[in-house]
PDB file of N, CA and C in Angstrom:
ATOM      1  N   MET A   1       8.025   0.101  12.691  1.00  0.00           N
ATOM      2  CA  MET A   1       6.810   0.393  13.367  1.00  0.00           C
ATOM      3  C   MET A   1       6.891   0.284  14.871  1.00  0.00           C
ATOM      4  N   ALA A   2       7.705  -0.565  15.367  1.00  0.00           N
ATOM      5  CA  ALA A   2       7.849  -0.730  16.799  1.00  0.00           C
ATOM      6  C   ALA A   2       8.279   0.621  17.475  1.00  0.00           C
ATOM      7  N   ASP A   3       7.670   0.882  18.609  1.00  0.00           N
ATOM      8  CA  ASP A   3       7.919   2.136  19.331  1.00  0.00           C
ATOM      9  C   ASP A   3       8.689   1.793  20.619  1.00  0.00           C
ATOM     10  N   SER A   4       9.751   2.477  20.826  1.00  0.00           N
ATOM     11  CA  SER A   4      10.590   2.137  22.006  1.00  0.00           C
ATOM     12  C   SER A   4       9.761   2.380  23.242  1.00  0.00           C
ATOM     13  N   ALA A   5       8.738   3.155  23.268  1.00  0.00           N
ATOM     14  CA  ALA A   5       7.817   3.496  24.440  1.00  0.00           C
ATOM     15  C   ALA A   5       6.774   2.414  24.573  1.00  0.00           C
ATOM     16  N   SER A   6       6.774   1.394  23.712  1.00  0.00           N
ATOM     17  CA  SER A   6       5.686   0.414  23.781  1.00  0.00           C
ATOM     18  C   SER A   6       5.919  -0.494  24.983  1.00  0.00           C
ATOM     19  N   THR A   7       4.831  -0.527  25.782  1.00  0.00           N
ATOM     20  CA  THR A   7       4.894  -1.325  26.984  1.00  0.00           C
ATOM     21  C   THR A   7       3.961  -2.499  27.143  1.00  0.00           C
ATOM     22  N   GLU A   8       2.902  -2.482  26.235  1.00  0.00           N
ATOM     23  CA  GLU A   8       1.869  -3.521  26.373  1.00  0.00           C
ATOM     24  C   GLU A   8       2.215  -4.634  25.464  1.00  0.00           C
ATOM     25  N   ARG A   9       1.860  -5.816  25.743  1.00  0.00           N
ATOM     26  CA  ARG A   9       1.983  -6.922  25.047  1.00  0.00           C
ATOM     27  C   ARG A   9       0.657  -7.475  24.516  1.00  0.00           C
ATOM     28  N   LEU A  10       0.729  -8.177  23.344  1.00  0.00           N
ATOM     29  CA  LEU A  10      -0.477  -8.731  22.754  1.00  0.00           C
ATOM     30  C   LEU A  10       0.099 -10.127  22.226  1.00  0.00           C
ATOM     31  N   GLY A  11      -0.518 -11.182  22.798  1.00  0.00           N
ATOM     32  CA  GLY A  11      -0.105 -12.533  22.366  1.00  0.00           C
ATOM     33  C   GLY A  11      -1.235 -13.406  21.990  1.00  0.00           C
ATOM     34  N   PHE A  12      -0.987 -14.322  21.050  1.00  0.00           N
ATOM     35  CA  PHE A  12      -1.953 -15.253  20.623  1.00  0.00           C
ATOM     36  C   PHE A  12      -1.257 -16.477  19.971  1.00  0.00           C
ATOM     37  N   ARG A  13      -2.039 -17.603  19.982  1.00  0.00           N
ATOM     38  CA  ARG A  13      -1.460 -18.755  19.305  1.00  0.00           C
ATOM     39  C   ARG A  13      -2.001 -18.878  17.887  1.00  0.00           C
ATOM     40  N   VAL A  14      -1.241 -19.348  17.100  1.00  0.00           N
ATOM     41  CA  VAL A  14      -1.591 -19.649  15.651  1.00  0.00           C
ATOM     42  C   VAL A  14      -1.202 -21.024  15.187  1.00  0.00           C
ATOM     43  N   ASP A  15      -1.839 -21.489  14.144  1.00  0.00           N
ATOM     44  CA  ASP A  15      -1.559 -22.756  13.638  1.00  0.00           C
ATOM     45  C   ASP A  15      -0.184 -22.641  12.979  1.00  0.00           C
ATOM     46  N   PRO A  16       0.675 -23.656  13.062  1.00  0.00           N
ATOM     47  CA  PRO A  16       2.072 -23.542  12.518  1.00  0.00           C
ATOM     48  C   PRO A  16       2.031 -23.176  11.071  1.00  0.00           C
ATOM     49  N   ARG A  17       1.152 -23.561  10.276  1.00  0.00           N
ATOM     50  CA  ARG A  17       1.102 -23.214   8.858  1.00  0.00           C
ATOM     51  C   ARG A  17       0.873 -21.733   8.699  1.00  0.00           C
ATOM     52  N   TRP A  18       0.043 -21.084   9.576  1.00  0.00           N
ATOM     53  CA  TRP A  18      -0.188 -19.672   9.506  1.00  0.00           C
ATOM     54  C   TRP A  18       1.057 -18.892   9.917  1.00  0.00           C
ATOM     55  N   LYS A  19       1.743 -19.489  10.929  1.00  0.00           N
ATOM     56  CA  LYS A  19       2.972 -18.843  11.472  1.00  0.00           C
ATOM     57  C   LYS A  19       4.020 -18.751  10.374  1.00  0.00           C
ATOM     58  N   ARG A  20       4.167 -19.921   9.577  1.00  0.00           N
ATOM     59  CA  ARG A  20       5.176 -19.937   8.613  1.00  0.00           C
ATOM     60  C   ARG A  20       4.724 -18.918   7.364  1.00  0.00           C
ATOM     61  N   LEU A  21       3.460 -18.864   7.125  1.00  0.00           N
ATOM     62  CA  LEU A  21       3.040 -17.876   6.152  1.00  0.00           C
ATOM     63  C   LEU A  21       3.326 -16.474   6.541  1.00  0.00           C
ATOM     64  N   ILE A  22       3.064 -16.179   7.862  1.00  0.00           N
ATOM     65  CA  ILE A  22       3.295 -14.772   8.359  1.00  0.00           C
ATOM     66  C   ILE A  22       4.787 -14.520   8.357  1.00  0.00           C
ATOM     67  N   GLU A  23       5.612 -15.446   8.730  1.00  0.00           N
ATOM     68  CA  GLU A  23       7.077 -15.270   8.803  1.00  0.00           C
ATOM     69  C   GLU A  23       7.630 -15.046   7.424  1.00  0.00           C
ATOM     70  N   GLU A  24       7.155 -15.763   6.435  1.00  0.00           N
ATOM     71  CA  GLU A  24       7.530 -15.521   5.003  1.00  0.00           C
ATOM     72  C   GLU A  24       7.096 -14.223   4.581  1.00  0.00           C
ATOM     73  N   ALA A  25       5.974 -13.798   4.765  1.00  0.00           N
ATOM     74  CA  ALA A  25       5.468 -12.513   4.310  1.00  0.00           C
ATOM     75  C   ALA A  25       6.253 -11.326   4.949  1.00  0.00           C
ATOM     76  N   ALA A  26       6.525 -11.450   6.213  1.00  0.00           N
ATOM     77  CA  ALA A  26       7.314 -10.537   7.024  1.00  0.00           C
ATOM     78  C   ALA A  26       8.677 -10.362   6.352  1.00  0.00           C
ATOM     79  N   ALA A  27       9.378 -11.610   6.072  1.00  0.00           N
ATOM     80  CA  ALA A  27      10.610 -11.607   5.472  1.00  0.00           C
ATOM     81  C   ALA A  27      10.768 -10.939   4.180  1.00  0.00           C
ATOM     82  N   VAL A  28       9.767 -11.263   3.260  1.00  0.00           N
ATOM     83  CA  VAL A  28       9.853 -10.684   1.995  1.00  0.00           C
ATOM     84  C   VAL A  28       9.501  -9.145   1.997  1.00  0.00           C
ATOM     85  N   SER A  29       8.880  -8.711   3.112  1.00  0.00           N
ATOM     86  CA  SER A  29       8.558  -7.269   3.228  1.00  0.00           C
ATOM     87  C   SER A  29       9.650  -6.614   3.976  1.00  0.00           C
ATOM     88  N   GLY A  30      10.668  -7.310   4.375  1.00  0.00           N
ATOM     89  CA  GLY A  30      11.807  -6.684   5.111  1.00  0.00           C
ATOM     90  C   GLY A  30      11.522  -6.197   6.533  1.00  0.00           C
ATOM     91  N   GLN A  31      10.501  -6.879   7.128  1.00  0.00           N
ATOM     92  CA  GLN A  31      10.034  -6.508   8.435  1.00  0.00           C
ATOM     93  C   GLN A  31      10.176  -7.681   9.427  1.00  0.00           C
ATOM     94  N   THR A  32      10.304  -7.377  10.698  1.00  0.00           N
ATOM     95  CA  THR A  32      10.157  -8.470  11.667  1.00  0.00           C
ATOM     96  C   THR A  32       8.739  -8.967  11.685  1.00  0.00           C
ATOM     97  N   VAL A  33       8.611 -10.125  12.275  1.00  0.00           N
ATOM     98  CA  VAL A  33       7.238 -10.676  12.437  1.00  0.00           C
ATOM     99  C   VAL A  33       6.418  -9.786  13.245  1.00  0.00           C
ATOM    100  N   SER A  34       6.986  -9.296  14.331  1.00  0.00           N
ATOM    101  CA  SER A  34       6.236  -8.328  15.212  1.00  0.00           C
ATOM    102  C   SER A  34       5.760  -7.034  14.411  1.00  0.00           C
ATOM    103  N   SER A  35       6.677  -6.486  13.709  1.00  0.00           N
ATOM    104  CA  SER A  35       6.373  -5.276  12.946  1.00  0.00           C
ATOM    105  C   SER A  35       5.310  -5.540  11.906  1.00  0.00           C
ATOM    106  N   PHE A  36       5.429  -6.690  11.178  1.00  0.00           N
ATOM    107  CA  PHE A  36       4.552  -6.920  10.194  1.00  0.00           C
ATOM    108  C   PHE A  36       3.138  -7.284  10.751  1.00  0.00           C
ATOM    109  N   ALA A  37       3.094  -8.074  11.827  1.00  0.00           N
ATOM    110  CA  ALA A  37       1.726  -8.371  12.443  1.00  0.00           C
ATOM    111  C   ALA A  37       1.143  -7.143  12.978  1.00  0.00           C
ATOM    112  N   LEU A  38       1.936  -6.271  13.706  1.00  0.00           N
ATOM    113  CA  LEU A  38       1.323  -5.079  14.200  1.00  0.00           C
ATOM    114  C   LEU A  38       0.805  -4.130  13.148  1.00  0.00           C
ATOM    115  N   ALA A  39       1.488  -4.031  11.967  1.00  0.00           N
ATOM    116  CA  ALA A  39       0.990  -3.204  10.937  1.00  0.00           C
ATOM    117  C   ALA A  39      -0.332  -3.701  10.392  1.00  0.00           C
ATOM    118  N   ALA A  40      -0.398  -5.006  10.135  1.00  0.00           N
ATOM    119  CA  ALA A  40      -1.652  -5.639   9.621  1.00  0.00           C
ATOM    120  C   ALA A  40      -2.701  -5.508  10.620  1.00  0.00           C
ATOM    121  N   LEU A  41      -2.479  -5.809  11.935  1.00  0.00           N
ATOM    122  CA  LEU A  41      -3.549  -5.680  12.941  1.00  0.00           C
ATOM    123  C   LEU A  41      -4.079  -4.223  13.005  1.00  0.00           C
ATOM    124  N   LEU A  42      -3.094  -3.296  13.011  1.00  0.00           N
ATOM    125  CA  LEU A  42      -3.627  -1.808  13.079  1.00  0.00           C
ATOM    126  C   LEU A  42      -4.418  -1.466  11.878  1.00  0.00           C
ATOM    127  N   ARG A  43      -3.920  -1.849  10.716  1.00  0.00           N
ATOM    128  CA  ARG A  43      -4.660  -1.561   9.414  1.00  0.00           C
ATOM    129  C   ARG A  43      -6.099  -2.101   9.551  1.00  0.00           C
ATOM    130  N   GLN A  44      -6.285  -3.334   9.950  1.00  0.00           N
ATOM    131  CA  GLN A  44      -7.549  -3.909   9.999  1.00  0.00           C
ATOM    132  C   GLN A  44      -8.435  -3.333  11.128  1.00  0.00           C
ATOM    133  N   ALA A  45      -7.821  -2.986  12.339  1.00  0.00           N
ATOM    134  CA  ALA A  45      -8.589  -2.380  13.297  1.00  0.00           C
ATOM    135  C   ALA A  45      -9.064  -0.998  12.884  1.00  0.00           C
ATOM    136  N   ARG A  46      -8.258  -0.144  12.271  1.00  0.00           N
ATOM    137  CA  ARG A  46      -8.786   1.073  11.819  1.00  0.00           C
ATOM    138  C   ARG A  46      -9.800   0.949  10.792  1.00  0.00           C
ATOM    139  N   LYS A  47      -9.669  -0.041   9.862  1.00  0.00           N
ATOM    140  CA  LYS A  47     -10.623  -0.215   8.811  1.00  0.00           C
ATOM    141  C   LYS A  47     -12.085  -0.648   9.437  1.00  0.00           C
ATOM    142  N   THR A  48     -11.978  -1.542  10.407  1.00  0.00           N
ATOM    143  CA  THR A  48     -13.199  -2.090  11.142  1.00  0.00           C
ATOM    144  C   THR A  48     -13.940  -0.827  11.791  1.00  0.00           C
ATOM    145  N   LEU A  49     -13.056  -0.098  12.578  1.00  0.00           N
ATOM    146  CA  LEU A  49     -13.791   1.113  13.247  1.00  0.00           C
ATOM    147  C   LEU A  49     -14.225   2.156  12.265  1.00  0.00           C
ATOM    148  N   ARG A  50     -13.532   2.427  11.203  1.00  0.00           N
ATOM    149  CA  ARG A  50     -14.009   3.316  10.189  1.00  0.00           C
ATOM    150  C   ARG A  50     -15.383   2.907   9.586  1.00  0.00           C
ATOM    151  N   GLU A  51     -15.481   1.684   9.306  1.00  0.00           N
ATOM    152  CA  GLU A  51     -16.663   1.151   8.647  1.00  0.00           C
ATOM    153  C   GLU A  51     -17.844   1.184   9.650  1.00  0.00           C
ATOM    154  N   GLN A  52     -17.546   0.987  10.999  1.00  0.00           N
ATOM    155  CA  GLN A  52     -18.654   0.997  11.982  1.00  0.00           C
ATOM    156  C   GLN A  52     -19.111   2.461  12.189  1.00  0.00           C
ATOM    157  N   ARG A  53     -18.250   3.373  11.935  1.00  0.00           N
ATOM    158  CA  ARG A  53     -18.587   4.788  12.279  1.00  0.00           C
ATOM    159  C   ARG A  53     -19.242   5.535  11.055  1.00  0.00           C
ATOM    160  N   ILE A  54     -19.248   4.959   9.929  1.00  0.00           N
ATOM    161  CA  ILE A  54     -19.901   5.511   8.691  1.00  0.00           C
ATOM    162  C   ILE A  54     -21.398   5.098   8.620  1.00  0.00           C
ATOM    163  N   LEU A  55     -22.261   6.016   8.449  1.00  0.00           N
ATOM    164  CA  LEU A  55     -23.663   5.769   8.353  1.00  0.00           C
ATOM    165  C   LEU A  55     -23.980   5.911   6.870  1.00  0.00           C
ATOM    166  N   ALA A  56     -24.205   4.779   6.224  1.00  0.00           N
ATOM    167  CA  ALA A  56     -24.589   4.805   4.818  1.00  0.00           C
ATOM    168  C   ALA A  56     -26.119   4.787   4.637  1.00  0.00           C
ATOM    169  N   LEU A  57     -26.640   5.682   3.883  1.00  0.00           N
ATOM    170  CA  LEU A  57     -28.094   5.817   3.624  1.00  0.00           C
ATOM    171  C   LEU A  57     -28.289   5.739   2.077  1.00  0.00           C
ATOM    172  N   SER A  58     -29.362   5.056   1.748  1.00  0.00           N
ATOM    173  CA  SER A  58     -29.727   5.127   0.329  1.00  0.00           C
ATOM    174  C   SER A  58     -30.286   6.637   0.100  1.00  0.00           C
ATOM    175  N   ALA A  59     -30.425   6.988  -1.131  1.00  0.00           N
ATOM    176  CA  ALA A  59     -31.006   8.268  -1.462  1.00  0.00           C
ATOM    177  C   ALA A  59     -32.337   8.481  -0.955  1.00  0.00           C
ATOM    178  N   ARG A  60     -33.214   7.508  -0.965  1.00  0.00           N
ATOM    179  CA  ARG A  60     -34.600   7.590  -0.436  1.00  0.00           C
ATOM    180  C   ARG A  60     -34.512   7.677   1.066  1.00  0.00           C
ATOM    181  N   ASP A  61     -33.685   6.988   1.751  1.00  0.00           N
ATOM    182  CA  ASP A  61     -33.535   7.000   3.180  1.00  0.00           C
ATOM    183  C   ASP A  61     -33.021   8.427   3.556  1.00  0.00           C
ATOM    184  N   GLY A  62     -32.074   8.892   2.827  1.00  0.00           N
ATOM    185  CA  GLY A  62     -31.497  10.172   3.072  1.00  0.00           C
ATOM    186  C   GLY A  62     -32.536  11.317   3.005  1.00  0.00           C
ATOM    187  N   GLU A  63     -33.331  11.186   2.031  1.00  0.00           N
ATOM    188  CA  GLU A  63     -34.479  12.136   1.807  1.00  0.00           C
ATOM    189  C   GLU A  63     -35.463  12.087   3.032  1.00  0.00           C
ATOM    190  N   ARG A  64     -35.812  10.810   3.392  1.00  0.00           N
ATOM    191  CA  ARG A  64     -36.634  10.729   4.518  1.00  0.00           C
ATOM    192  C   ARG A  64     -36.028  11.286   5.811  1.00  0.00           C
ATOM    193  N   LEU A  65     -34.813  11.069   6.004  1.00  0.00           N
ATOM    194  CA  LEU A  65     -34.119  11.622   7.176  1.00  0.00           C
ATOM    195  C   LEU A  65     -34.165  13.157   7.179  1.00  0.00           C
ATOM    196  N   MET A  66     -33.820  13.707   6.127  1.00  0.00           N
ATOM    197  CA  MET A  66     -33.859  15.212   5.991  1.00  0.00           C
ATOM    198  C   MET A  66     -35.291  15.734   6.214  1.00  0.00           C
ATOM    199  N   ALA A  67     -36.169  15.100   5.633  1.00  0.00           N
ATOM    200  CA  ALA A  67     -37.681  15.492   5.965  1.00  0.00           C
ATOM    201  C   ALA A  67     -38.047  15.452   7.364  1.00  0.00           C
ATOM    202  N   ALA A  68     -37.679  14.365   8.012  1.00  0.00           N
ATOM    203  CA  ALA A  68     -37.933  14.276   9.462  1.00  0.00           C
ATOM    204  C   ALA A  68     -37.181  15.333  10.343  1.00  0.00           C
ATOM    205  N   LEU A  69     -35.956  15.635   9.852  1.00  0.00           N
ATOM    206  CA  LEU A  69     -35.296  16.809  10.597  1.00  0.00           C
ATOM    207  C   LEU A  69     -35.920  18.045  10.317  1.00  0.00           C
ATOM    208  N   ASP A  70     -36.295  18.376   9.095  1.00  0.00           N
ATOM    209  CA  ASP A  70     -36.969  19.512   8.762  1.00  0.00           C
ATOM    210  C   ASP A  70     -38.340  19.750   9.341  1.00  0.00           C
ATOM    211  N   ASN A  71     -39.049  18.652   9.527  1.00  0.00           N
ATOM    212  CA  ASN A  71     -40.394  18.693  10.050  1.00  0.00           C
ATOM    213  C   ASN A  71     -40.653  17.622  11.158  1.00  0.00           C
ATOM    214  N   PRO A  72     -40.017  17.874  12.364  1.00  0.00           N
ATOM    215  CA  PRO A  72     -40.092  16.947  13.311  1.00  0.00           C
ATOM    216  C   PRO A  72     -41.553  16.765  13.879  1.00  0.00           C
ATOM    217  N   PRO A  73     -42.004  15.649  14.356  1.00  0.00           N
ATOM    218  CA  PRO A  73     -43.247  15.524  14.909  1.00  0.00           C
ATOM    219  C   PRO A  73     -43.357  16.273  16.250  1.00  0.00           C
ATOM    220  N   ALA A  74     -44.574  16.578  16.523  1.00  0.00           N
ATOM    221  CA  ALA A  74     -44.799  17.386  17.822  1.00  0.00           C
ATOM    222  C   ALA A  74     -44.552  16.401  19.000  1.00  0.00           C
ATOM    223  N   PRO A  75     -43.945  17.042  20.074  1.00  0.00           N
ATOM    224  CA  PRO A  75     -43.618  16.188  21.215  1.00  0.00           C
ATOM    225  C   PRO A  75     -44.925  15.529  21.743  1.00  0.00           C
ATOM    226  N   THR A  76     -44.709  14.320  22.233  1.00  0.00           N
ATOM    227  CA  THR A  76     -45.842  13.593  22.871  1.00  0.00           C
ATOM    228  C   THR A  76     -45.953  14.080  24.227  1.00  0.00           C
ATOM    229  N   ARG A  77     -47.098  13.722  24.774  1.00  0.00           N
ATOM    230  CA  ARG A  77     -47.413  14.079  26.258  1.00  0.00           C
ATOM    231  C   ARG A  77     -46.158  13.468  27.170  1.00  0.00           C
ATOM    232  N   ALA A  78     -45.831  12.284  26.838  1.00  0.00           N
ATOM    233  CA  ALA A  78     -44.674  11.575  27.681  1.00  0.00           C
ATOM    234  C   ALA A  78     -43.458  12.296  27.528  1.00  0.00           C
ATOM    235  N   LEU A  79     -43.185  12.787  26.386  1.00  0.00           N
ATOM    236  CA  LEU A  79     -41.850  13.542  26.139  1.00  0.00           C
ATOM    237  C   LEU A  79     -41.913  14.867  26.871  1.00  0.00           C
ATOM    238  N   ARG A  80     -43.061  15.547  26.807  1.00  0.00           N
ATOM    239  CA  ARG A  80     -43.234  16.861  27.439  1.00  0.00           C
ATOM    240  C   ARG A  80     -43.106  16.723  28.929  1.00  0.00           C
ATOM    241  N   LYS A  81     -43.621  15.641  29.550  1.00  0.00           N
ATOM    242  CA  LYS A  81     -43.434  15.281  30.946  1.00  0.00           C
ATOM    243  C   LYS A  81     -41.996  15.105  31.275  1.00  0.00           C
ATOM    244  N   LEU A  82     -41.351  14.245  30.445  1.00  0.00           N
ATOM    245  CA  LEU A  82     -40.014  13.972  30.754  1.00  0.00           C
ATOM    246  C   LEU A  82     -39.052  15.232  30.677  1.00  0.00           C
ATOM    247  N   MET A  83     -39.367  16.120  29.807  1.00  0.00           N
ATOM    248  CA  MET A  83     -38.599  17.382  29.537  1.00  0.00           C
ATOM    249  C   MET A  83     -38.870  18.378  30.751  1.00  0.00           C
ATOM    250  N   GLY A  84     -39.969  18.185  31.414  1.00  0.00           N
ATOM    251  CA  GLY A  84     -40.133  19.060  32.585  1.00  0.00           C
ATOM    252  C   GLY A  84     -41.044  20.265  32.379  1.00  0.00           C
ATOM    253  N   PRO A  85     -41.285  21.063  33.422  1.00  0.00           N
ATOM    254  CA  PRO A  85     -42.171  22.179  33.299  1.00  0.00           C
ATOM    255  C   PRO A  85     -41.759  23.249  32.231  1.00  0.00           C
ATOM    256  N   GLY A  86     -42.728  23.883  31.558  1.00  0.00           N
ATOM    257  CA  GLY A  86     -42.449  24.928  30.632  1.00  0.00           C
ATOM    258  C   GLY A  86     -42.203  24.367  29.236  1.00  0.00           C
ATOM    259  N   THR A  87     -42.360  23.029  28.986  1.00  0.00           N
ATOM    260  CA  THR A  87     -42.151  22.563  27.584  1.00  0.00           C
ATOM    261  C   THR A  87     -43.340  22.158  26.887  1.00  0.00           C
TER     262      THR A  87
END
């Protein structure tokens, strides 16, 4: 997983028990601690971002959203003023 073009460092301190656990897991996976940790961090980072980017709606909320998009309310006076002349 390590890229020879990698130039940035990421460092943090861990409890000795966690370090031993991570070292053991890396060893049984046939990876270096750095490769193992980087793979786990990237996997979690991607998962976190993916979950934040997904908008989940219930069926009822989805129907309400589609109805609002199909039949938007008339613009208010304040919105027309903000949009400028001719609106």
